[in-house]
Amino acid sequence: MSDDALDLRELLGKPSAEYPDLPDLPPTATFYGKLINVETGLSQKKGTPYFRFNVRLTDPGKDVPEAWLDSVKAAGFSLADFNVYADMWLTANAMRQFRRFLDSLGFPTNVRMDEMLKLNPENCSPTDETQELFRGRDVLVRTGAMSERGTVFRNLDSIAGIKRQG
């Protein structure tokens, strides 16, 4: 990024076609990635709390089409330009999925989650210590199916921690 002042006339004085867009993700494809951070949120309809795990893609899985990888490169992007995420809902029924995710990352199962994850004791939100527990961990992710609109959303179908060999 340049230290020069942003010239909005220059930026907006071009057709939008001059700014390439990321290709859509391929449906039901596997990628490797690294956790960037964890944040909290509430669902729009019911206000259900969740932890969102943001991931930077690093490598394609064997099922990612070579033609798709070529289209990403041709558009001037790399896998690291894709912002994807997995939401872990915080309800009694959904805690099994959250436990499986934590297990895959190697967290112990016999420690209180709020203490183990270094959450803020007042509101159970992630702290700087929480971020450090997750940041940079290797994960294996899978994109969802294609929507009725013909796109693949950035929210992941699955996520699991993995051990990658140097």
Protein backbone atom coordinates (compact mmCIF):
# COMPACT_ATOMS: atom_id res chain seq x y z
CA MET A 1 0.00 0.00 0.00
CA SER A 2 1.28 3.45 -0.88
CA ASP A 3 1.81 6.23 1.64
CA ASP A 4 0.54 8.72 -0.95
CA ALA A 5 -2.80 10.41 -0.35
CA LEU A 6 -5.73 8.66 -1.99
CA ASP A 7 -7.02 10.56 -5.02
CA LEU A 8 -10.74 9.77 -5.18
CA ARG A 9 -11.15 11.44 -8.58
CA GLU A 10 -8.56 9.08 -10.05
CA LEU A 11 -10.01 6.07 -8.24
CA LEU A 12 -13.63 6.77 -9.20
CA GLY A 13 -12.79 8.21 -12.60
CA LYS A 14 -12.49 4.74 -14.14
CA PRO A 15 -15.10 2.23 -15.27
CA SER A 16 -15.74 -0.43 -12.64
CA ALA A 17 -14.65 -3.06 -15.18
CA GLU A 18 -11.07 -1.91 -14.58
CA TYR A 19 -11.28 -3.35 -11.08
CA PRO A 20 -11.34 -7.14 -11.34
CA ASP A 21 -13.51 -9.15 -9.00
CA LEU A 22 -12.56 -12.38 -7.27
CA PRO A 23 -13.89 -15.46 -9.02
CA ASP A 24 -16.55 -17.31 -7.04
CA LEU A 25 -15.26 -20.15 -4.90
CA PRO A 26 -15.75 -23.63 -6.34
CA PRO A 27 -18.59 -25.60 -4.71
CA THR A 28 -17.86 -28.36 -2.19
CA ALA A 29 -14.10 -27.97 -2.58
CA THR A 30 -11.40 -28.56 0.01
CA PHE A 31 -8.74 -26.01 0.92
CA TYR A 32 -6.00 -25.65 3.50
CA GLY A 33 -5.80 -22.43 5.41
CA LYS A 34 -4.69 -20.61 8.52
CA LEU A 35 -6.92 -19.15 11.20
CA ILE A 36 -6.69 -15.36 11.24
CA ASN A 37 -8.87 -14.52 14.23
CA VAL A 38 -12.07 -15.24 16.11
CA GLU A 39 -14.88 -12.77 16.62
CA THR A 40 -18.36 -12.88 18.10
CA GLY A 41 -21.73 -12.09 16.61
CA LEU A 42 -25.45 -12.67 16.78
CA SER A 43 -27.67 -14.20 14.10
CA GLN A 44 -29.92 -11.68 12.36
CA LYS A 45 -33.20 -13.53 12.90
CA LYS A 46 -33.08 -14.96 16.41
CA GLY A 47 -30.06 -13.23 17.93
CA THR A 48 -28.28 -16.56 18.46
CA PRO A 49 -24.68 -15.99 19.58
CA TYR A 50 -21.76 -17.45 17.61
CA PHE A 51 -18.01 -17.41 17.32
CA ARG A 52 -16.79 -16.65 13.79
CA PHE A 53 -13.45 -18.18 12.83
CA ASN A 54 -11.90 -16.24 9.95
CA VAL A 55 -9.58 -18.16 7.65
CA ARG A 56 -6.99 -17.18 5.04
CA LEU A 57 -6.73 -19.85 2.35
CA THR A 58 -3.20 -21.08 1.69
CA ASP A 59 -3.38 -24.15 -0.57
CA PRO A 60 -5.94 -25.94 -2.71
CA GLY A 61 -7.05 -29.47 -1.94
CA LYS A 62 -6.79 -32.18 -4.58
CA ASP A 63 -10.45 -31.64 -5.54
CA VAL A 64 -10.03 -27.96 -6.50
CA PRO A 65 -10.24 -27.69 -10.32
CA GLU A 66 -7.05 -26.50 -12.00
CA ALA A 67 -9.16 -24.31 -14.32
CA TRP A 68 -10.52 -22.48 -11.27
CA LEU A 69 -7.01 -21.89 -9.90
CA ASP A 70 -6.01 -20.56 -13.35
CA SER A 71 -8.98 -18.16 -13.33
CA VAL A 72 -7.94 -16.79 -9.93
CA LYS A 73 -4.39 -16.19 -11.17
CA ALA A 74 -5.58 -14.69 -14.46
CA ALA A 75 -7.73 -12.19 -12.54
CA GLY A 76 -4.63 -11.10 -10.60
CA PHE A 77 -5.48 -12.75 -7.29
CA SER A 78 -4.20 -15.56 -5.09
CA LEU A 79 -5.88 -17.88 -2.60
CA ALA A 80 -4.89 -15.52 0.23
CA ASP A 81 -7.29 -12.92 -1.23
CA PHE A 82 -10.32 -15.04 -0.31
CA ASN A 83 -11.87 -14.19 3.05
CA VAL A 84 -13.77 -17.23 4.30
CA TYR A 85 -15.18 -18.08 7.69
CA ALA A 86 -16.87 -20.72 9.81
CA ASP A 87 -19.50 -19.84 12.39
CA MET A 88 -19.78 -21.94 15.53
CA TRP A 89 -23.22 -21.43 17.05
CA LEU A 90 -23.34 -21.24 20.82
CA THR A 91 -26.44 -23.23 21.69
CA ALA A 92 -26.87 -26.47 23.65
CA ASN A 93 -27.53 -28.43 20.44
CA ALA A 94 -24.65 -26.93 18.47
CA MET A 95 -21.94 -27.36 21.10
CA ARG A 96 -21.07 -30.83 19.72
CA GLN A 97 -19.83 -29.22 16.53
CA PHE A 98 -17.83 -26.64 18.49
CA ARG A 99 -16.33 -29.40 20.64
CA ARG A 100 -15.27 -31.37 17.53
CA PHE A 101 -13.59 -28.26 16.16
CA LEU A 102 -11.75 -27.58 19.43
CA ASP A 103 -10.76 -31.27 19.64
CA SER A 104 -9.34 -31.10 16.10
CA LEU A 105 -7.17 -28.19 17.22
CA GLY A 106 -5.86 -30.18 20.18
CA PHE A 107 -7.62 -28.38 23.01
CA PRO A 108 -8.22 -30.51 26.12
CA THR A 109 -11.77 -31.70 26.75
CA ASN A 110 -11.64 -31.67 30.55
CA VAL A 111 -11.07 -27.91 31.05
CA ARG A 112 -13.78 -25.24 31.22
CA MET A 113 -14.05 -23.72 27.76
CA ASP A 114 -14.28 -20.12 28.97
CA GLU A 115 -11.00 -20.52 30.89
CA MET A 116 -9.24 -22.63 28.27
CA LEU A 117 -10.10 -20.15 25.50
CA LYS A 118 -9.08 -17.16 27.65
CA LEU A 119 -12.47 -15.49 27.14
CA ASN A 120 -13.44 -12.25 28.85
CA PRO A 121 -15.05 -13.39 32.14
CA GLU A 122 -17.69 -10.65 32.00
CA ASN A 123 -19.19 -11.40 28.57
CA CYS A 124 -17.39 -14.51 27.23
CA SER A 125 -16.01 -12.55 24.28
CA PRO A 126 -12.58 -13.27 22.77
CA THR A 127 -9.61 -11.43 24.26
CA ASP A 128 -6.16 -10.75 22.83
CA GLU A 129 -5.08 -13.98 24.53
CA THR A 130 -7.91 -15.82 22.74
CA GLN A 131 -6.68 -14.47 19.41
CA GLU A 132 -3.17 -15.74 20.12
CA LEU A 133 -4.53 -19.23 20.89
CA PHE A 134 -6.08 -19.46 17.41
CA ARG A 135 -4.07 -17.18 15.10
CA GLY A 136 -1.94 -19.09 12.62
CA ARG A 137 -3.31 -22.55 13.33
CA ASP A 138 -3.61 -24.80 10.29
CA VAL A 139 -7.10 -25.85 9.22
CA LEU A 140 -8.72 -27.92 6.52
CA VAL A 141 -11.93 -26.32 5.20
CA ARG A 142 -14.67 -27.20 2.75
CA THR A 143 -16.78 -24.76 0.79
CA GLY A 144 -20.55 -25.17 0.63
CA ALA A 145 -22.75 -26.16 -2.27
CA MET A 146 -23.69 -23.72 -5.00
CA SER A 147 -26.63 -21.48 -4.10
CA GLU A 148 -29.74 -20.98 -6.19
CA ARG A 149 -28.10 -17.77 -7.47
CA GLY A 150 -25.17 -19.80 -8.80
CA THR A 151 -22.62 -18.61 -6.24
CA VAL A 152 -20.72 -20.23 -3.40
CA PHE A 153 -20.90 -18.24 -0.20
CA ARG A 154 -17.83 -17.44 1.89
CA ASN A 155 -19.23 -19.21 4.96
CA LEU A 156 -17.62 -22.63 5.07
CA ASP A 157 -19.43 -25.94 5.15
CA SER A 158 -16.82 -27.45 7.47
CA ILE A 159 -13.59 -26.62 9.29
CA ALA A 160 -11.14 -28.78 11.23
CA GLY A 161 -7.72 -28.31 12.68
CA ILE A 162 -4.89 -30.27 11.09
CA LYS A 163 -1.19 -30.82 11.59
CA ARG A 164 0.77 -29.83 8.49
CA GLN A 165 4.25 -31.11 7.88
CA GLY A 166 6.83 -28.29 7.59
